[in-house]
PDB file of N, CA and C in Angstrom:
ATOM      1  N   MET A   1      96.409   0.127 121.328  1.00  0.00           N
ATOM      2  CA  MET A   1      97.199  -0.948 120.727  1.00  0.00           C
ATOM      3  C   MET A   1      96.416  -2.152 120.005  1.00  0.00           C
ATOM      4  N   PHE A   2      95.385  -2.536 120.687  1.00  0.00           N
ATOM      5  CA  PHE A   2      94.503  -3.521 119.945  1.00  0.00           C
ATOM      6  C   PHE A   2      93.075  -2.769 119.690  1.00  0.00           C
ATOM      7  N   GLU A   3      92.475  -3.339 118.602  1.00  0.00           N
ATOM      8  CA  GLU A   3      91.124  -2.829 118.159  1.00  0.00           C
ATOM      9  C   GLU A   3      90.109  -3.571 118.981  1.00  0.00           C
ATOM     10  N   PRO A   4      88.965  -2.926 119.330  1.00  0.00           N
ATOM     11  CA  PRO A   4      87.902  -3.650 119.934  1.00  0.00           C
ATOM     12  C   PRO A   4      87.627  -4.886 119.126  1.00  0.00           C
ATOM     13  N   LEU A   5      87.034  -5.966 119.685  1.00  0.00           N
ATOM     14  CA  LEU A   5      86.690  -7.229 119.147  1.00  0.00           C
ATOM     15  C   LEU A   5      87.866  -7.968 118.543  1.00  0.00           C
ATOM     16  N   THR A   6      89.159  -7.488 118.831  1.00  0.00           N
ATOM     17  CA  THR A   6      90.212  -8.433 118.419  1.00  0.00           C
ATOM     18  C   THR A   6      90.392  -9.533 119.409  1.00  0.00           C
ATOM     19  N   GLN A   7      90.318 -10.735 118.909  1.00  0.00           N
ATOM     20  CA  GLN A   7      90.542 -11.921 119.751  1.00  0.00           C
ATOM     21  C   GLN A   7      91.776 -12.137 120.325  1.00  0.00           C
ATOM     22  N   ILE A   8      92.031 -12.512 121.542  1.00  0.00           N
ATOM     23  CA  ILE A   8      93.270 -12.515 122.216  1.00  0.00           C
ATOM     24  C   ILE A   8      93.392 -13.763 123.025  1.00  0.00           C
ATOM     25  N   ALA A   9      94.665 -14.112 123.409  1.00  0.00           N
ATOM     26  CA  ALA A   9      95.008 -15.001 124.495  1.00  0.00           C
ATOM     27  C   ALA A   9      95.765 -14.231 125.431  1.00  0.00           C
ATOM     28  N   TYR A  10      95.406 -14.454 126.630  1.00  0.00           N
ATOM     29  CA  TYR A  10      96.124 -13.759 127.737  1.00  0.00           C
ATOM     30  C   TYR A  10      97.106 -14.803 128.223  1.00  0.00           C
ATOM     31  N   ILE A  11      98.378 -14.677 128.118  1.00  0.00           N
ATOM     32  CA  ILE A  11      99.364 -15.519 128.466  1.00  0.00           C
ATOM     33  C   ILE A  11     100.059 -14.860 129.773  1.00  0.00           C
ATOM     34  N   PRO A  12      99.700 -15.371 130.936  1.00  0.00           N
ATOM     35  CA  PRO A  12     100.335 -14.775 132.316  1.00  0.00           C
ATOM     36  C   PRO A  12     101.923 -14.955 132.118  1.00  0.00           C
ATOM     37  N   ASP A  13     102.632 -14.001 132.938  1.00  0.00           N
ATOM     38  CA  ASP A  13     104.113 -14.151 132.849  1.00  0.00           C
ATOM     39  C   ASP A  13     104.591 -15.358 133.286  1.00  0.00           C
ATOM     40  N   HIS A  14     103.969 -16.123 134.188  1.00  0.00           N
ATOM     41  CA  HIS A  14     104.516 -17.307 134.619  1.00  0.00           C
ATOM     42  C   HIS A  14     104.303 -18.479 133.671  1.00  0.00           C
ATOM     43  N   ALA A  15     103.467 -18.281 132.605  1.00  0.00           N
ATOM     44  CA  ALA A  15     102.992 -19.450 131.743  1.00  0.00           C
ATOM     45  C   ALA A  15     104.241 -19.639 130.779  1.00  0.00           C
ATOM     46  N   ASP A  16     104.443 -20.822 130.401  1.00  0.00           N
ATOM     47  CA  ASP A  16     105.334 -21.200 129.397  1.00  0.00           C
ATOM     48  C   ASP A  16     104.938 -21.419 128.059  1.00  0.00           C
ATOM     49  N   GLY A  17     103.838 -20.790 127.630  1.00  0.00           N
ATOM     50  CA  GLY A  17     103.295 -20.921 126.291  1.00  0.00           C
ATOM     51  C   GLY A  17     101.713 -21.048 126.285  1.00  0.00           C
ATOM     52  N   ILE A  18     101.259 -21.042 125.223  1.00  0.00           N
ATOM     53  CA  ILE A  18      99.849 -20.986 124.940  1.00  0.00           C
ATOM     54  C   ILE A  18      98.919 -22.269 125.454  1.00  0.00           C
ATOM     55  N   ASP A  19      99.696 -23.284 125.710  1.00  0.00           N
ATOM     56  CA  ASP A  19      99.087 -24.476 126.113  1.00  0.00           C
ATOM     57  C   ASP A  19      99.044 -24.535 127.707  1.00  0.00           C
ATOM     58  N   HIS A  20      99.527 -23.615 128.435  1.00  0.00           N
ATOM     59  CA  HIS A  20      99.576 -23.516 129.868  1.00  0.00           C
ATOM     60  C   HIS A  20      98.068 -23.450 130.426  1.00  0.00           C
ATOM     61  N   PRO A  21      97.796 -24.264 131.394  1.00  0.00           N
ATOM     62  CA  PRO A  21      96.378 -24.092 131.953  1.00  0.00           C
ATOM     63  C   PRO A  21      95.780 -22.842 132.397  1.00  0.00           C
ATOM     64  N   ASP A  22      96.800 -21.774 132.741  1.00  0.00           N
ATOM     65  CA  ASP A  22      96.327 -20.533 133.174  1.00  0.00           C
ATOM     66  C   ASP A  22      96.100 -19.495 132.025  1.00  0.00           C
ATOM     67  N   VAL A  23      96.326 -19.869 130.713  1.00  0.00           N
ATOM     68  CA  VAL A  23      96.088 -19.099 129.629  1.00  0.00           C
ATOM     69  C   VAL A  23      94.504 -18.853 129.339  1.00  0.00           C
ATOM     70  N   GLU A  24      94.085 -17.785 129.168  1.00  0.00           N
ATOM     71  CA  GLU A  24      92.684 -17.417 129.023  1.00  0.00           C
ATOM     72  C   GLU A  24      92.505 -16.717 127.533  1.00  0.00           C
ATOM     73  N   PHE A  25      91.337 -17.196 126.926  1.00  0.00           N
ATOM     74  CA  PHE A  25      91.046 -16.750 125.433  1.00  0.00           C
ATOM     75  C   PHE A  25      89.856 -15.722 125.677  1.00  0.00           C
ATOM     76  N   GLY A  26      89.940 -14.732 124.881  1.00  0.00           N
ATOM     77  CA  GLY A  26      88.801 -13.817 124.991  1.00  0.00           C
ATOM     78  C   GLY A  26      88.814 -12.798 123.790  1.00  0.00           C
ATOM     79  N   PHE A  27      88.468 -11.485 124.114  1.00  0.00           N
ATOM     80  CA  PHE A  27      88.518 -10.495 123.102  1.00  0.00           C
ATOM     81  C   PHE A  27      88.585  -9.100 123.915  1.00  0.00           C
ATOM     82  N   VAL A  28      89.081  -8.234 123.104  1.00  0.00           N
ATOM     83  CA  VAL A  28      89.398  -6.879 123.493  1.00  0.00           C
ATOM     84  C   VAL A  28      88.095  -6.069 123.517  1.00  0.00           C
ATOM     85  N   THR A  29      87.675  -5.234 124.539  1.00  0.00           N
ATOM     86  CA  THR A  29      86.492  -4.288 124.448  1.00  0.00           C
ATOM     87  C   THR A  29      86.953  -2.944 124.295  1.00  0.00           C
ATOM     88  N   GLU A  30      88.189  -2.727 124.968  1.00  0.00           N
ATOM     89  CA  GLU A  30      88.661  -1.294 124.733  1.00  0.00           C
ATOM     90  C   GLU A  30      90.107  -1.366 125.040  1.00  0.00           C
ATOM     91  N   SER A  31      90.819  -0.406 124.289  1.00  0.00           N
ATOM     92  CA  SER A  31      92.251  -0.360 124.357  1.00  0.00           C
ATOM     93  C   SER A  31      92.619   1.199 124.251  1.00  0.00           C
ATOM     94  N   PRO A  32      92.665   1.896 125.465  1.00  0.00           N
ATOM     95  CA  PRO A  32      92.877   3.280 125.457  1.00  0.00           C
ATOM     96  C   PRO A  32      94.258   3.633 124.835  1.00  0.00           C
ATOM     97  N   PRO A  33      94.222   4.730 124.114  1.00  0.00           N
ATOM     98  CA  PRO A  33      95.484   5.206 123.530  1.00  0.00           C
ATOM     99  C   PRO A  33      96.542   5.351 124.662  1.00  0.00           C
ATOM    100  N   ASN A  34      97.856   5.059 124.278  1.00  0.00           N
ATOM    101  CA  ASN A  34      98.971   5.384 125.103  1.00  0.00           C
ATOM    102  C   ASN A  34      98.835   4.664 126.369  1.00  0.00           C
ATOM    103  N   SER A  35      98.171   3.587 126.507  1.00  0.00           N
ATOM    104  CA  SER A  35      97.976   2.828 127.826  1.00  0.00           C
ATOM    105  C   SER A  35      98.738   1.457 127.597  1.00  0.00           C
ATOM    106  N   GLU A  36      99.200   0.989 128.737  1.00  0.00           N
ATOM    107  CA  GLU A  36      99.847  -0.295 128.818  1.00  0.00           C
ATOM    108  C   GLU A  36      98.863  -1.386 129.059  1.00  0.00           C
ATOM    109  N   TYR A  37      97.608  -1.062 129.085  1.00  0.00           N
ATOM    110  CA  TYR A  37      96.580  -1.993 129.434  1.00  0.00           C
ATOM    111  C   TYR A  37      95.381  -1.991 128.538  1.00  0.00           C
ATOM    112  N   SER A  38      94.776  -3.089 128.226  1.00  0.00           N
ATOM    113  CA  SER A  38      93.464  -3.160 127.525  1.00  0.00           C
ATOM    114  C   SER A  38      92.452  -3.905 128.381  1.00  0.00           C
ATOM    115  N   PHE A  39      91.184  -3.453 128.100  1.00  0.00           N
ATOM    116  CA  PHE A  39      90.181  -4.180 128.819  1.00  0.00           C
ATOM    117  C   PHE A  39      89.655  -5.298 127.831  1.00  0.00           C
ATOM    118  N   CYS A  40      89.501  -6.380 128.435  1.00  0.00           N
ATOM    119  CA  CYS A  40      89.193  -7.687 127.767  1.00  0.00           C
ATOM    120  C   CYS A  40      87.977  -8.493 128.592  1.00  0.00           C
ATOM    121  N   ARG A  41      87.281  -9.240 127.741  1.00  0.00           N
ATOM    122  CA  ARG A  41      86.336 -10.120 128.193  1.00  0.00           C
ATOM    123  C   ARG A  41      86.720 -11.583 127.907  1.00  0.00           C
ATOM    124  N   TYR A  42      86.629 -12.413 128.854  1.00  0.00           N
ATOM    125  CA  TYR A  42      87.230 -13.879 128.647  1.00  0.00           C
ATOM    126  C   TYR A  42      86.143 -14.892 128.628  1.00  0.00           C
ATOM    127  N   TRP A  43      86.316 -15.854 127.927  1.00  0.00           N
ATOM    128  CA  TRP A  43      85.521 -17.058 127.748  1.00  0.00           C
ATOM    129  C   TRP A  43      85.612 -17.818 128.936  1.00  0.00           C
ATOM    130  N   SER A  44      84.418 -18.389 129.480  1.00  0.00           N
ATOM    131  CA  SER A  44      84.346 -19.389 130.571  1.00  0.00           C
ATOM    132  C   SER A  44      85.128 -20.595 130.299  1.00  0.00           C
ATOM    133  N   LYS A  45      85.830 -21.179 131.232  1.00  0.00           N
ATOM    134  CA  LYS A  45      86.475 -22.424 130.984  1.00  0.00           C
ATOM    135  C   LYS A  45      85.531 -23.571 131.422  1.00  0.00           C
ATOM    136  N   PHE A  46      84.286 -23.233 131.911  1.00  0.00           N
ATOM    137  CA  PHE A  46      83.340 -24.231 132.413  1.00  0.00           C
ATOM    138  C   PHE A  46      82.077 -24.244 131.658  1.00  0.00           C
ATOM    139  N   GLU A  47      81.617 -23.078 131.006  1.00  0.00           N
ATOM    140  CA  GLU A  47      80.496 -23.079 130.204  1.00  0.00           C
ATOM    141  C   GLU A  47      80.817 -22.725 128.769  1.00  0.00           C
ATOM    142  N   LYS A  48      80.693 -23.651 127.967  1.00  0.00           N
ATOM    143  CA  LYS A  48      80.955 -23.387 126.439  1.00  0.00           C
ATOM    144  C   LYS A  48      80.190 -22.187 125.848  1.00  0.00           C
ATOM    145  N   ASP A  49      80.872 -21.470 125.154  1.00  0.00           N
ATOM    146  CA  ASP A  49      80.316 -20.205 124.328  1.00  0.00           C
ATOM    147  C   ASP A  49      79.719 -19.135 125.383  1.00  0.00           C
ATOM    148  N   GLU A  50      80.230 -19.223 126.476  1.00  0.00           N
ATOM    149  CA  GLU A  50      79.735 -18.204 127.650  1.00  0.00           C
ATOM    150  C   GLU A  50      80.905 -17.376 128.088  1.00  0.00           C
ATOM    151  N   LEU A  51      80.678 -16.026 128.355  1.00  0.00           N
ATOM    152  CA  LEU A  51      81.726 -15.266 128.949  1.00  0.00           C
ATOM    153  C   LEU A  51      81.949 -15.487 130.346  1.00  0.00           C
ATOM    154  N   ARG A  52      83.035 -15.441 130.854  1.00  0.00           N
ATOM    155  CA  ARG A  52      83.273 -15.440 132.278  1.00  0.00           C
ATOM    156  C   ARG A  52      82.857 -14.116 133.072  1.00  0.00           C
ATOM    157  N   THR A  53      83.000 -12.995 132.328  1.00  0.00           N
ATOM    158  CA  THR A  53      82.603 -11.775 132.948  1.00  0.00           C
ATOM    159  C   THR A  53      81.644 -11.095 131.833  1.00  0.00           C
ATOM    160  N   LYS A  54      80.460 -10.724 132.357  1.00  0.00           N
ATOM    161  CA  LYS A  54      79.488 -10.242 131.562  1.00  0.00           C
ATOM    162  C   LYS A  54      79.199  -8.673 131.626  1.00  0.00           C
ATOM    163  N   SER A  55      79.705  -8.303 132.851  1.00  0.00           N
ATOM    164  CA  SER A  55      79.169  -6.867 133.143  1.00  0.00           C
ATOM    165  C   SER A  55      80.334  -5.908 132.586  1.00  0.00           C
ATOM    166  N   CYS A  56      81.556  -6.242 132.520  1.00  0.00           N
ATOM    167  CA  CYS A  56      82.405  -5.209 132.096  1.00  0.00           C
ATOM    168  C   CYS A  56      83.862  -5.993 131.636  1.00  0.00           C
ATOM    169  N   GLY A  57      84.688  -5.324 130.996  1.00  0.00           N
ATOM    170  CA  GLY A  57      86.047  -6.013 130.737  1.00  0.00           C
ATOM    171  C   GLY A  57      86.964  -5.901 131.873  1.00  0.00           C
ATOM    172  N   GLU A  58      88.065  -6.721 131.789  1.00  0.00           N
ATOM    173  CA  GLU A  58      89.018  -6.833 132.833  1.00  0.00           C
ATOM    174  C   GLU A  58      90.265  -6.073 132.187  1.00  0.00           C
ATOM    175  N   SER A  59      90.755  -5.195 133.074  1.00  0.00           N
ATOM    176  CA  SER A  59      92.124  -4.614 132.781  1.00  0.00           C
ATOM    177  C   SER A  59      93.161  -5.584 132.579  1.00  0.00           C
ATOM    178  N   THR A  60      93.867  -5.713 131.498  1.00  0.00           N
ATOM    179  CA  THR A  60      94.892  -6.747 131.297  1.00  0.00           C
ATOM    180  C   THR A  60      96.120  -6.062 130.560  1.00  0.00           C
ATOM    181  N   PRO A  61      97.299  -6.357 131.160  1.00  0.00           N
ATOM    182  CA  PRO A  61      98.581  -5.717 130.527  1.00  0.00           C
ATOM    183  C   PRO A  61      98.727  -6.166 129.062  1.00  0.00           C
ATOM    184  N   ASN A  62      98.884  -5.236 128.247  1.00  0.00           N
ATOM    185  CA  ASN A  62      99.219  -5.545 126.856  1.00  0.00           C
ATOM    186  C   ASN A  62     100.327  -6.404 126.556  1.00  0.00           C
ATOM    187  N   ARG A  63     101.313  -6.513 127.347  1.00  0.00           N
ATOM    188  CA  ARG A  63     102.562  -7.337 127.219  1.00  0.00           C
ATOM    189  C   ARG A  63     102.190  -8.754 127.359  1.00  0.00           C
ATOM    190  N   CYS A  64     101.092  -9.048 128.029  1.00  0.00           N
ATOM    191  CA  CYS A  64     100.643 -10.480 128.166  1.00  0.00           C
ATOM    192  C   CYS A  64      99.598 -10.959 127.195  1.00  0.00           C
ATOM    193  N   LEU A  65      99.178 -10.138 126.215  1.00  0.00           N
ATOM    194  CA  LEU A  65      98.163 -10.424 125.158  1.00  0.00           C
ATOM    195  C   LEU A  65      98.854 -10.707 123.881  1.00  0.00           C
ATOM    196  N   THR A  66      98.255 -11.760 123.161  1.00  0.00           N
ATOM    197  CA  THR A  66      98.683 -11.990 121.806  1.00  0.00           C
ATOM    198  C   THR A  66      97.415 -12.275 120.993  1.00  0.00           C
ATOM    199  N   VAL A  67      97.410 -11.868 119.809  1.00  0.00           N
ATOM    200  CA  VAL A  67      96.339 -12.119 118.949  1.00  0.00           C
ATOM    201  C   VAL A  67      96.011 -13.683 118.671  1.00  0.00           C
ATOM    202  N   TYR A  68      94.895 -14.076 118.925  1.00  0.00           N
ATOM    203  CA  TYR A  68      94.623 -15.470 118.943  1.00  0.00           C
ATOM    204  C   TYR A  68      93.103 -15.762 118.586  1.00  0.00           C
ATOM    205  N   ARG A  69      92.700 -16.305 117.384  1.00  0.00           N
ATOM    206  CA  ARG A  69      91.354 -16.420 117.162  1.00  0.00           C
ATOM    207  C   ARG A  69      90.920 -17.835 117.695  1.00  0.00           C
ATOM    208  N   SER A  70      89.999 -17.814 118.560  1.00  0.00           N
ATOM    209  CA  SER A  70      89.493 -18.953 119.198  1.00  0.00           C
ATOM    210  C   SER A  70      87.990 -19.095 118.817  1.00  0.00           C
ATOM    211  N   TYR A  71      87.256 -18.003 118.292  1.00  0.00           N
ATOM    212  CA  TYR A  71      85.816 -18.050 117.835  1.00  0.00           C
ATOM    213  C   TYR A  71      85.549 -17.602 116.595  1.00  0.00           C
ATOM    214  N   ASP A  72      84.439 -17.817 115.934  1.00  0.00           N
ATOM    215  CA  ASP A  72      84.032 -17.058 114.802  1.00  0.00           C
ATOM    216  C   ASP A  72      83.808 -15.706 115.048  1.00  0.00           C
ATOM    217  N   PRO A  73      84.335 -14.682 114.284  1.00  0.00           N
ATOM    218  CA  PRO A  73      84.229 -13.213 114.456  1.00  0.00           C
ATOM    219  C   PRO A  73      82.743 -12.804 114.724  1.00  0.00           C
ATOM    220  N   ALA A  74      81.742 -13.474 113.846  1.00  0.00           N
ATOM    221  CA  ALA A  74      80.485 -13.108 113.997  1.00  0.00           C
ATOM    222  C   ALA A  74      79.970 -13.487 115.428  1.00  0.00           C
ATOM    223  N   PHE A  75      80.337 -14.618 115.905  1.00  0.00           N
ATOM    224  CA  PHE A  75      79.885 -14.925 117.265  1.00  0.00           C
ATOM    225  C   PHE A  75      80.437 -13.926 118.280  1.00  0.00           C
ATOM    226  N   VAL A  76      81.624 -13.446 118.071  1.00  0.00           N
ATOM    227  CA  VAL A  76      82.279 -12.729 119.176  1.00  0.00           C
ATOM    228  C   VAL A  76      81.601 -11.375 119.052  1.00  0.00           C
ATOM    229  N   LYS A  77      81.179 -10.879 117.957  1.00  0.00           N
ATOM    230  CA  LYS A  77      80.402  -9.614 117.745  1.00  0.00           C
ATOM    231  C   LYS A  77      79.134  -9.632 118.343  1.00  0.00           C
ATOM    232  N   LYS A  78      78.337 -10.746 118.154  1.00  0.00           N
ATOM    233  CA  LYS A  78      76.975 -10.960 118.667  1.00  0.00           C
ATOM    234  C   LYS A  78      77.096 -11.036 120.244  1.00  0.00           C
ATOM    235  N   THR A  79      78.097 -11.628 120.624  1.00  0.00           N
ATOM    236  CA  THR A  79      78.233 -11.831 122.293  1.00  0.00           C
ATOM    237  C   THR A  79      78.654 -10.522 122.835  1.00  0.00           C
ATOM    238  N   TYR A  80      79.485  -9.764 122.189  1.00  0.00           N
ATOM    239  CA  TYR A  80      79.875  -8.380 122.567  1.00  0.00           C
ATOM    240  C   TYR A  80      78.623  -7.488 122.782  1.00  0.00           C
ATOM    241  N   GLU A  81      77.847  -7.494 121.675  1.00  0.00           N
ATOM    242  CA  GLU A  81      76.716  -6.611 121.418  1.00  0.00           C
ATOM    243  C   GLU A  81      75.656  -7.063 122.633  1.00  0.00           C
ATOM    244  N   LYS A  82      75.633  -8.244 122.847  1.00  0.00           N
ATOM    245  CA  LYS A  82      74.581  -8.822 123.853  1.00  0.00           C
ATOM    246  C   LYS A  82      74.942  -8.334 125.314  1.00  0.00           C
ATOM    247  N   TYR A  83      76.196  -8.161 125.551  1.00  0.00           N
ATOM    248  CA  TYR A  83      76.567  -7.687 127.087  1.00  0.00           C
ATOM    249  C   TYR A  83      77.254  -6.309 126.979  1.00  0.00           C
ATOM    250  N   LYS A  84      77.023  -5.456 125.993  1.00  0.00           N
ATOM    251  CA  LYS A  84      77.459  -4.113 125.876  1.00  0.00           C
ATOM    252  C   LYS A  84      77.035  -3.247 126.974  1.00  0.00           C
TER     253      LYS A  84
END
């Protein structure tokens, strides 16, 4: 459903919009065909320009993802390559 490196916002079911404090921003690392889930990495809310998870992507329901650009695409690609 999503291409790798697509920037996303994860909006949990209980959130009432993109400004909710539980919304997380990141990018897709893998989106298996015919799956209801994508693997995503999320930016840290505590360390600017750092990933919260560096070892692997987190399985996230596609229904909770929306395309949302929060970083320069070149920076996202560089970060992805660094922790690939």
